[in-house]
Protein backbone atom coordinates (compact mmCIF):
# COMPACT_ATOMS: atom_id res chain seq x y z
CA MET A 1 0.00 0.00 0.00
CA THR A 2 1.42 3.36 -1.00
CA LYS A 3 1.98 6.18 1.46
CA GLY A 4 -0.65 8.25 -0.40
CA LYS A 5 -3.32 5.58 0.11
CA ILE A 6 -2.47 5.27 3.78
CA ILE A 7 -2.94 9.02 4.23
CA LEU A 8 -6.20 8.92 2.25
CA TYR A 9 -7.63 6.05 4.34
CA PHE A 10 -6.57 7.81 7.53
CA LEU A 11 -8.31 11.02 6.46
CA ILE A 12 -11.47 9.07 5.55
CA PHE A 13 -11.37 7.40 8.98
CA ILE A 14 -11.01 10.77 10.74
CA LEU A 15 -13.87 12.19 8.67
CA ILE A 16 -16.16 9.29 9.58
CA ILE A 17 -15.36 9.52 13.29
CA THR A 18 -15.83 13.30 13.28
CA SER A 19 -19.15 12.99 11.45
CA VAL A 20 -20.44 10.37 13.91
CA LEU A 21 -19.43 12.52 16.90
CA LEU A 22 -21.07 15.64 15.45
CA TYR A 23 -24.23 13.70 14.64
CA SER A 24 -24.30 12.13 18.11
CA ARG A 25 -23.85 15.50 19.80
CA TYR A 26 -26.00 17.88 17.78
CA ILE A 27 -28.61 15.79 15.96
CA ALA A 28 -29.21 12.56 17.87
CA THR A 29 -29.70 14.47 21.14
CA THR A 30 -32.62 16.38 19.60
CA GLY A 31 -36.10 15.34 18.60
CA LEU A 32 -38.49 13.44 20.81
CA VAL A 33 -39.79 9.89 20.53
CA VAL A 34 -42.92 8.71 22.34
CA LYS A 35 -42.64 4.96 22.96
CA GLU A 36 -46.08 3.39 23.36
CA TYR A 37 -46.67 0.11 25.17
CA LYS A 38 -49.81 -1.90 25.88
CA ILE A 39 -49.65 -3.73 29.20
CA THR A 40 -52.17 -6.50 29.81
CA ASN A 41 -52.85 -7.77 33.31
CA LYS A 42 -55.98 -9.60 34.42
CA LYS A 43 -55.69 -8.03 37.87
CA ILE A 44 -56.75 -4.66 36.45
CA THR A 45 -60.39 -4.11 37.28
CA ASP A 46 -62.86 -2.47 34.92
CA THR A 47 -62.50 0.73 36.95
CA TYR A 48 -58.87 1.08 35.83
CA ASN A 49 -59.08 -0.67 32.47
CA GLY A 50 -57.46 1.61 29.90
CA LEU A 51 -55.39 3.47 32.51
CA LYS A 52 -52.95 5.82 30.75
CA ILE A 53 -49.51 6.37 32.26
CA VAL A 54 -46.70 8.63 31.06
CA HIS A 55 -43.23 7.74 32.31
CA ILE A 56 -40.47 10.36 32.07
CA SER A 57 -36.94 10.03 33.38
CA ASP A 58 -33.40 11.43 33.37
CA ILE A 59 -34.04 15.01 32.30
CA HIS A 60 -30.55 16.15 33.39
CA TYR A 61 -31.75 19.71 32.96
CA GLY A 62 -29.29 22.24 31.61
CA GLY A 63 -27.31 19.73 29.59
CA THR A 64 -28.96 18.83 26.28
CA ILE A 65 -32.45 19.56 27.66
CA LEU A 66 -33.22 23.28 27.93
CA LYS A 67 -36.45 25.19 28.51
CA LYS A 68 -37.69 25.00 24.91
CA ASP A 69 -37.06 21.24 24.89
CA LEU A 70 -38.87 20.72 28.20
CA ASN A 71 -41.76 22.86 26.95
CA ASN A 72 -42.07 20.60 23.91
CA ILE A 73 -41.98 17.50 26.13
CA VAL A 74 -44.75 18.89 28.33
CA GLU A 75 -46.91 19.72 25.32
CA LYS A 76 -46.50 16.17 23.98
CA ILE A 77 -47.42 14.71 27.37
CA ASN A 78 -50.57 16.80 27.68
CA ILE A 79 -51.76 15.82 24.20
CA LEU A 80 -51.92 12.21 25.47
CA LYS A 81 -54.18 13.21 28.41
CA PRO A 82 -52.55 10.79 30.89
CA ASP A 83 -54.18 9.62 34.09
CA MET A 84 -50.83 9.42 35.85
CA VAL A 85 -47.37 10.83 35.20
CA PHE A 86 -44.33 9.23 36.80
CA PHE A 87 -40.79 10.67 36.96
CA THR A 88 -38.06 8.17 37.86
CA GLY A 89 -35.16 10.43 38.78
CA ASP A 90 -32.24 12.57 37.64
CA LEU A 91 -33.94 15.91 37.38
CA PHE A 92 -30.60 17.72 37.50
CA GLU A 93 -27.37 17.79 35.58
CA ILE A 94 -25.15 18.63 38.53
CA GLU A 95 -23.06 21.44 37.05
CA HIS A 96 -26.20 23.24 35.87
CA VAL A 97 -28.07 23.47 39.18
CA ASN A 98 -28.91 27.14 39.74
CA ASP A 99 -31.87 29.36 40.64
CA LYS A 100 -32.67 30.18 37.00
CA ASN A 101 -32.84 26.54 35.91
CA ASN A 102 -34.79 25.59 39.02
CA ARG A 103 -37.44 28.24 38.25
CA GLU A 104 -37.67 27.03 34.65
CA LEU A 105 -38.17 23.45 35.84
CA ILE A 106 -40.96 24.51 38.17
CA GLU A 107 -42.63 26.60 35.45
CA GLU A 108 -42.62 23.80 32.88
CA LEU A 109 -43.28 20.77 35.09
CA ASP A 110 -46.23 22.56 36.68
CA LYS A 111 -47.91 22.60 33.26
CA ILE A 112 -48.04 18.80 33.09
CA GLU A 113 -51.63 17.63 33.46
CA ALA A 114 -52.73 14.28 34.88
CA THR A 115 -56.28 13.35 35.86
CA ILE A 116 -55.21 11.25 38.87
CA GLY A 117 -51.78 12.54 39.87
CA LYS A 118 -48.09 13.22 39.23
CA TYR A 119 -45.44 11.29 41.18
CA ALA A 120 -41.64 11.42 41.33
CA ILE A 121 -38.57 9.88 42.93
CA SER A 122 -34.97 11.10 43.00
CA GLY A 123 -32.01 9.81 41.03
CA ASN A 124 -28.31 9.74 41.83
CA HIS A 125 -27.79 13.18 40.22
CA ASP A 126 -30.40 14.62 42.59
CA TYR A 127 -28.80 13.28 45.76
CA ASP A 128 -26.70 16.35 46.60
CA HIS A 129 -29.56 18.73 45.85
CA LYS A 130 -32.36 17.33 48.01
CA ASN A 131 -33.72 20.73 49.04
CA GLU A 132 -33.93 22.00 45.47
CA PHE A 133 -35.43 18.69 44.33
CA ASN A 134 -38.11 18.73 47.02
CA GLN A 135 -38.97 22.37 46.33
CA ILE A 136 -39.34 21.81 42.59
CA LEU A 137 -41.63 18.82 43.13
CA GLU A 138 -43.78 20.68 45.62
CA GLU A 139 -44.16 23.80 43.49
CA SER A 140 -44.83 21.89 40.28
CA GLY A 141 -47.56 19.67 41.74
CA PHE A 142 -45.64 16.38 41.93
CA ILE A 143 -46.03 14.04 44.89
CA ASN A 144 -42.64 13.05 46.31
CA LEU A 145 -42.62 9.25 46.63
CA ASN A 146 -39.06 8.85 47.90
CA ASP A 147 -39.17 5.79 50.18
CA ASN A 148 -42.93 6.06 50.51
CA TYR A 149 -46.17 4.93 48.93
CA ASP A 150 -49.57 6.30 48.02
CA ILE A 151 -52.94 4.61 47.68
CA VAL A 152 -55.04 5.91 44.82
CA TYR A 153 -58.81 5.66 44.66
CA ASN A 154 -60.19 6.82 41.33
CA LYS A 155 -63.85 7.55 42.10
CA SER A 156 -64.34 4.00 43.40
CA ASN A 157 -63.56 1.71 46.33
CA GLU A 158 -60.86 -0.03 44.29
CA SER A 159 -57.32 1.15 44.79
CA ILE A 160 -53.94 1.20 43.08
CA LEU A 161 -50.74 1.27 45.13
CA ILE A 162 -47.88 3.44 43.89
CA ALA A 163 -44.58 3.08 45.75
CA GLY A 164 -41.25 4.81 45.25
CA VAL A 165 -37.61 4.31 46.25
CA SER A 166 -34.99 7.06 46.21
CA THR A 167 -31.62 6.55 44.55
CA ASN A 168 -29.66 3.59 45.87
CA SER A 169 -26.29 4.77 44.61
CA TYR A 170 -25.68 6.86 47.74
CA GLY A 171 -26.73 6.91 51.37
CA ALA A 172 -26.55 4.49 54.28
CA LEU A 173 -30.03 3.02 53.95
CA LYS A 174 -30.37 -0.13 51.86
CA ILE A 175 -33.27 -0.58 49.49
CA ASN A 176 -34.92 -3.19 51.73
CA ASP A 177 -35.03 -0.64 54.56
CA LYS A 178 -36.47 2.01 52.27
CA ILE A 179 -39.20 -0.22 50.92
CA LYS A 180 -40.09 -1.82 54.26
CA PRO A 181 -43.18 0.38 54.97
CA THR A 182 -44.61 -0.52 51.57
CA ILE A 183 -44.02 -4.25 52.04
CA GLU A 184 -45.58 -4.15 55.51
CA TYR A 185 -48.66 -2.49 54.04
CA LEU A 186 -48.92 -5.09 51.26
CA GLN A 187 -48.54 -7.98 53.72
CA ASN A 188 -51.66 -6.89 55.58
CA GLU A 189 -54.45 -9.03 54.12
CA GLU A 190 -56.92 -6.20 54.55
CA ASN A 191 -54.97 -4.05 52.09
CA LYS A 192 -55.91 -5.31 48.66
CA SER A 193 -55.02 -3.20 45.63
CA ALA A 194 -56.11 -3.77 42.06
CA TYR A 195 -52.56 -3.12 40.85
CA ASN A 196 -49.18 -2.39 42.46
CA ILE A 197 -46.62 -0.07 40.85
CA LEU A 198 -43.05 0.65 41.98
CA LEU A 199 -40.89 3.58 40.86
CA LEU A 200 -37.17 2.88 41.01
CA HIS A 201 -34.21 4.81 39.62
CA GLU A 202 -31.44 2.21 39.27
CA PRO A 203 -33.03 -0.96 37.85
CA ASP A 204 -30.40 -3.45 39.05
CA PHE A 205 -31.72 -3.08 42.59
CA VAL A 206 -34.88 -5.03 41.72
CA ASP A 207 -32.85 -8.13 42.53
CA ASP A 208 -32.47 -6.95 46.13
CA ILE A 209 -36.20 -6.88 46.82
CA LYS A 210 -39.19 -9.19 46.48
CA TYR A 211 -40.22 -7.67 43.19
CA ASP A 212 -43.16 -10.07 42.80
CA ASN A 213 -45.03 -7.80 45.24
CA PHE A 214 -45.38 -5.43 42.29
CA ASP A 215 -47.14 -5.84 38.97
CA LEU A 216 -45.27 -3.02 37.25
CA ILE A 217 -41.84 -1.54 37.97
CA LEU A 218 -40.68 1.61 36.19
CA ALA A 219 -37.03 2.66 36.22
CA GLY A 220 -34.54 4.97 34.54
CA HIS A 221 -30.81 5.60 34.96
CA SER A 222 -29.48 3.37 32.16
CA HIS A 223 -30.81 5.54 29.31
CA ASN A 224 -30.91 2.08 27.62
CA GLY A 225 -27.32 3.01 26.81
CA GLN A 226 -26.92 6.55 25.47
CA VAL A 227 -24.77 5.17 22.69
CA ARG A 228 -26.09 2.04 21.01
CA VAL A 229 -24.78 0.07 18.07
CA PRO A 230 -27.02 -2.03 15.80
CA PHE A 231 -26.92 -5.78 16.61
CA ILE A 232 -24.78 -5.03 19.68
CA GLY A 233 -26.88 -2.71 21.80
CA ALA A 234 -25.68 -0.51 24.63
CA ILE A 235 -21.97 0.28 24.60
CA TYR A 236 -21.88 1.49 28.21
CA THR A 237 -24.30 1.67 31.13
CA PRO A 238 -23.59 3.12 34.60
CA TYR A 239 -23.44 1.37 37.96
CA GLY A 240 -26.92 0.29 38.94
CA SER A 241 -27.86 -0.70 35.39
CA LYS A 242 -25.36 -3.39 34.44
CA ASN A 243 -27.85 -6.27 34.53
CA TYR A 244 -31.01 -4.44 33.47
CA TYR A 245 -30.63 -1.65 30.94
CA ASN A 246 -32.80 -2.40 27.90
CA GLU A 247 -36.38 -1.25 27.41
CA TYR A 248 -38.23 -4.22 28.90
CA TYR A 249 -37.79 -7.31 31.08
CA LYS A 250 -40.31 -9.87 32.29
CA LEU A 251 -39.44 -10.90 35.86
CA LYS A 252 -41.80 -13.79 36.63
CA ASN A 253 -45.17 -12.00 36.70
CA THR A 254 -43.68 -8.51 37.03
CA ASP A 255 -43.22 -6.11 34.11
CA LEU A 256 -40.04 -4.01 34.29
CA TYR A 257 -39.81 -1.06 31.90
CA ILE A 258 -36.72 1.15 31.74
CA SER A 259 -36.90 4.58 30.15
CA SER A 260 -34.22 5.64 27.68
CA GLY A 261 -34.47 9.10 29.20
CA LEU A 262 -34.71 12.62 27.88
CA GLY A 263 -31.33 14.17 28.60
CA THR A 264 -27.73 13.05 28.61
CA SER A 265 -25.23 12.40 31.38
CA LEU A 266 -21.43 12.52 31.42
CA LEU A 267 -21.08 12.85 27.64
CA LYS A 268 -23.58 14.95 25.69
CA LEU A 269 -23.96 12.21 23.10
CA ARG A 270 -26.66 9.88 21.87
CA LEU A 271 -26.50 7.36 19.05
CA PHE A 272 -29.34 5.17 17.77
CA ASN A 273 -31.23 6.24 20.89
CA ARG A 274 -33.19 9.47 20.59
CA PRO A 275 -34.58 11.28 23.67
CA SER A 276 -37.90 9.71 24.61
CA PHE A 277 -40.59 9.11 27.18
CA ASN A 278 -42.83 6.06 27.60
CA PHE A 279 -46.61 5.93 27.30
CA TYR A 280 -48.38 2.89 28.76
CA ARG A 281 -51.98 1.78 28.38
CA ILE A 282 -52.94 -0.72 31.11
CA ASN A 283 -55.68 -3.17 30.11
CA ASN A 284 -57.19 -6.34 31.53
CA LYS A 285 -57.50 -8.12 28.18
């Protein structure tokens, strides 16, 4: 091979790599995909048949998601007229936490409409900003489900349980301690719910709990791998999403869905994985 061909091939290689990086940074991080799923479970009563849930996660605000992007996300959510909206953590991109961004988050998230309610848990990027996180949830109409649960009655005597666990990447408490009040409630035979939902940030921690107490588990954190390659899948996923990182897993009778997220973390890159949120319709047949 001549020296000229070697130089030519090297330049072509550099051009391809540069093009992929530019595409991953400035094009693949834009746009918005709504991923729709039908979930069938015979436990769902007629009261809740057709329940509509929007699942958002990993906004990492101030990185690749700015106010105009969040406004577009909110508009898309409201068009779907969800009954419930769930946020599974990482509201912040750490270096962009400031009063201006916090006010923008409150302004936009407050516009989200849900007929039954809006619920949220924290992610690992929210851990060092608990006060700001709690304030944003409160002022934007979200119920903070960190290490807690709520019982929903939708104009009937039949209930749905929604539980949440804060990030398990930091802190002294283990997930079994955090979820203990919920499990104690479920173990009481008098407390019968039509459907049990758990919000979790890092999906790998499902293996540390009795996940069969829940019919549906929603998680985030992995982004399904910000950078994906056809026929290979995720190139890298963070701690807490090494075992579970793709869109869906069936764990015995439990459905585990993992959001690919809206923003980006560490590197402002996406490839074969556009920003998205999930839209579920829960049916009994």
